[in-house]
Amino acid sequence: MNKTYLPPQDQIEHNWHVVDATDQRLGRLASEIAMVLRGKNKPTFSPHLDTGDFVIVVNAEKVNVTGRKRTQKVYRRHSGRPGGMKTETFDKLQQRLPERIIEHAVKGMLPKNSMGRQLFTKLKVYAGPEHPHQAQKPQPLQIQTIPGGSN
């Protein structure tokens, strides 16, 4: 009978990757980032262990969407008080807090439990091209684009 390989906790390696979001499609970018955060791109992946890597996203303000999403996609938040619903379009949120767009998209693709919350802390998003994580020596992460497609 074959047994599932479980990597020992001290042998799990957490690397750092940097992603440039310039002219990337939001959903495709977020799904690739979520996969790396979760560790699904590694042969040592195990669903109940944190085998993923850290991801730094730069140029979040330059992320792209297709169709009319720029004006029609709505982000909602609620203060918890009666009448406390606030809505904001993609365009307005991108001008105000461009980091939140990528964070929101990636968070929705992570597990909805304590593991997902822990994985989310390994995502670092910055609006501009600068980030304070040079000491970690992040490697560039290539996001695949569809050749000849609308991506």
Protein backbone atom coordinates (compact mmCIF):
# COMPACT_ATOMS: atom_id res chain seq x y z
CA MET A 1 0.00 0.00 0.00
CA ASN A 2 1.36 3.44 -0.96
CA LYS A 3 1.59 6.06 1.73
CA THR A 4 1.26 9.78 1.20
CA TYR A 5 4.58 11.58 1.58
CA LEU A 6 4.54 14.14 4.38
CA PRO A 7 7.50 16.50 4.47
CA PRO A 8 8.89 17.12 7.97
CA GLN A 9 8.15 20.63 9.24
CA ASP A 10 11.84 21.55 9.43
CA GLN A 11 12.43 20.56 5.79
CA ILE A 12 9.66 22.73 4.29
CA GLU A 13 11.32 25.59 2.44
CA HIS A 14 9.50 28.92 2.09
CA ASN A 15 11.00 30.90 -0.80
CA TRP A 16 10.20 34.49 -1.77
CA HIS A 17 8.84 35.46 -5.20
CA VAL A 18 8.21 38.88 -6.71
CA VAL A 19 5.47 39.45 -9.31
CA ASP A 20 5.05 42.52 -11.51
CA ALA A 21 1.31 43.15 -11.95
CA THR A 22 1.77 45.60 -14.84
CA ASP A 23 -0.83 44.86 -17.54
CA GLN A 24 -1.72 41.47 -15.98
CA ARG A 25 -5.33 40.29 -15.90
CA LEU A 26 -6.59 40.39 -12.31
CA GLY A 27 -8.14 36.90 -12.12
CA ARG A 28 -5.32 35.05 -13.83
CA LEU A 29 -2.76 36.85 -11.69
CA ALA A 30 -4.68 36.11 -8.48
CA SER A 31 -5.12 32.41 -9.24
CA GLU A 32 -1.39 31.95 -9.92
CA ILE A 33 -0.50 33.84 -6.73
CA ALA A 34 -2.96 31.75 -4.68
CA MET A 35 -1.43 28.56 -6.08
CA VAL A 36 2.08 29.63 -5.06
CA LEU A 37 0.93 30.80 -1.60
CA ARG A 38 -0.72 27.44 -1.06
CA GLY A 39 2.31 25.50 -2.32
CA LYS A 40 0.48 23.62 -5.07
CA ASN A 41 3.35 24.24 -7.48
CA LYS A 42 5.68 22.08 -5.37
CA PRO A 43 5.98 18.29 -5.33
CA THR A 44 5.84 18.37 -1.51
CA PHE A 45 2.30 19.85 -1.46
CA SER A 46 0.10 18.60 1.32
CA PRO A 47 -3.40 20.04 1.82
CA HIS A 48 -3.14 20.39 5.61
CA LEU A 49 0.39 21.86 5.73
CA ASP A 50 1.70 25.30 4.83
CA THR A 51 4.17 24.35 2.08
CA GLY A 52 3.74 27.58 0.12
CA ASP A 53 6.03 30.49 -0.59
CA PHE A 54 5.91 34.22 0.12
CA VAL A 55 4.71 36.42 -2.77
CA ILE A 56 5.47 40.11 -3.25
CA VAL A 57 3.31 41.93 -5.81
CA VAL A 58 4.60 45.24 -7.18
CA ASN A 59 2.86 47.76 -9.48
CA ALA A 60 -0.58 46.77 -8.17
CA GLU A 61 -1.93 50.06 -9.50
CA LYS A 62 -1.32 48.84 -13.08
CA VAL A 63 -3.37 45.62 -12.89
CA ASN A 64 -5.91 45.21 -15.68
CA VAL A 65 -9.43 43.85 -16.12
CA THR A 66 -11.35 42.98 -19.28
CA GLY A 67 -14.70 44.17 -20.57
CA ARG A 68 -16.63 46.76 -18.59
CA LYS A 69 -15.42 45.59 -15.20
CA ARG A 70 -13.53 48.85 -14.68
CA THR A 71 -16.86 50.66 -14.21
CA GLN A 72 -19.25 47.79 -13.38
CA LYS A 73 -17.31 45.66 -10.87
CA VAL A 74 -18.35 46.73 -7.37
CA TYR A 75 -16.49 46.15 -4.09
CA ARG A 76 -18.69 46.15 -0.99
CA ARG A 77 -17.84 46.49 2.67
CA HIS A 78 -20.02 46.86 5.74
CA SER A 79 -19.30 48.60 9.01
CA GLY A 80 -21.67 46.27 10.89
CA ARG A 81 -24.04 49.09 11.75
CA PRO A 82 -27.48 49.58 10.21
CA GLY A 83 -27.09 51.29 6.84
CA GLY A 84 -23.33 50.80 7.00
CA MET A 85 -22.90 49.33 3.50
CA LYS A 86 -20.28 51.12 1.41
CA THR A 87 -19.84 50.34 -2.28
CA GLU A 88 -17.02 51.34 -4.59
CA THR A 89 -16.30 50.59 -8.26
CA PHE A 90 -13.05 49.00 -9.47
CA ASP A 91 -11.92 52.34 -10.93
CA LYS A 92 -12.45 54.30 -7.69
CA LEU A 93 -10.82 51.63 -5.51
CA GLN A 94 -7.85 51.42 -7.88
CA GLN A 95 -7.27 55.15 -7.47
CA ARG A 96 -7.73 55.05 -3.68
CA LEU A 97 -6.19 51.71 -2.55
CA PRO A 98 -4.84 49.68 -5.49
CA GLU A 99 -3.34 47.04 -3.16
CA ARG A 100 -6.77 46.04 -1.88
CA ILE A 101 -7.94 44.86 -5.33
CA ILE A 102 -5.28 42.14 -5.57
CA GLU A 103 -5.60 41.26 -1.88
CA HIS A 104 -9.36 40.82 -2.26
CA ALA A 105 -9.01 38.65 -5.37
CA VAL A 106 -6.33 36.38 -3.86
CA LYS A 107 -8.10 36.07 -0.50
CA GLY A 108 -11.19 34.77 -2.27
CA MET A 109 -9.10 31.97 -3.83
CA LEU A 110 -7.58 30.77 -0.55
CA PRO A 111 -9.23 28.30 1.86
CA LYS A 112 -11.85 29.80 4.16
CA ASN A 113 -10.32 28.62 7.45
CA SER A 114 -7.41 29.35 9.81
CA MET A 115 -4.98 27.93 7.25
CA GLY A 116 -6.23 30.39 4.61
CA ARG A 117 -5.82 33.30 7.02
CA GLN A 118 -2.26 32.19 7.77
CA LEU A 119 -1.46 31.85 4.05
CA PHE A 120 -2.86 35.32 3.36
CA THR A 121 -0.24 36.87 5.68
CA LYS A 122 2.46 35.68 3.24
CA LEU A 123 1.12 37.98 0.50
CA LYS A 124 2.72 41.43 0.32
CA VAL A 125 1.18 43.90 -2.16
CA TYR A 126 2.61 47.30 -3.10
CA ALA A 127 1.11 49.95 -5.40
CA GLY A 128 4.41 51.08 -6.90
CA PRO A 129 7.56 49.34 -8.14
CA GLU A 130 9.40 49.50 -4.77
CA HIS A 131 9.21 46.96 -1.92
CA PRO A 132 11.10 46.64 1.40
CA HIS A 133 11.89 42.90 1.07
CA GLN A 134 15.26 43.03 -0.75
CA ALA A 135 16.96 41.18 2.13
CA GLN A 136 14.87 38.06 1.40
CA LYS A 137 16.31 37.90 -2.15
CA PRO A 138 12.98 37.32 -3.93
CA GLN A 139 13.05 35.48 -7.26
CA PRO A 140 10.92 36.79 -10.16
CA LEU A 141 7.82 34.67 -10.71
CA GLN A 142 6.59 34.35 -14.30
CA ILE A 143 2.83 34.43 -14.71
CA GLN A 144 1.76 32.54 -17.81
CA THR A 145 -0.17 34.45 -20.42
CA ILE A 146 -2.25 32.84 -23.14
CA PRO A 147 -0.46 33.27 -26.51
CA GLY A 148 -2.70 34.91 -29.06
CA GLY A 149 -5.54 35.06 -26.52
CA SER A 150 -7.20 38.08 -24.97
CA ASN A 151 -4.69 38.03 -22.13
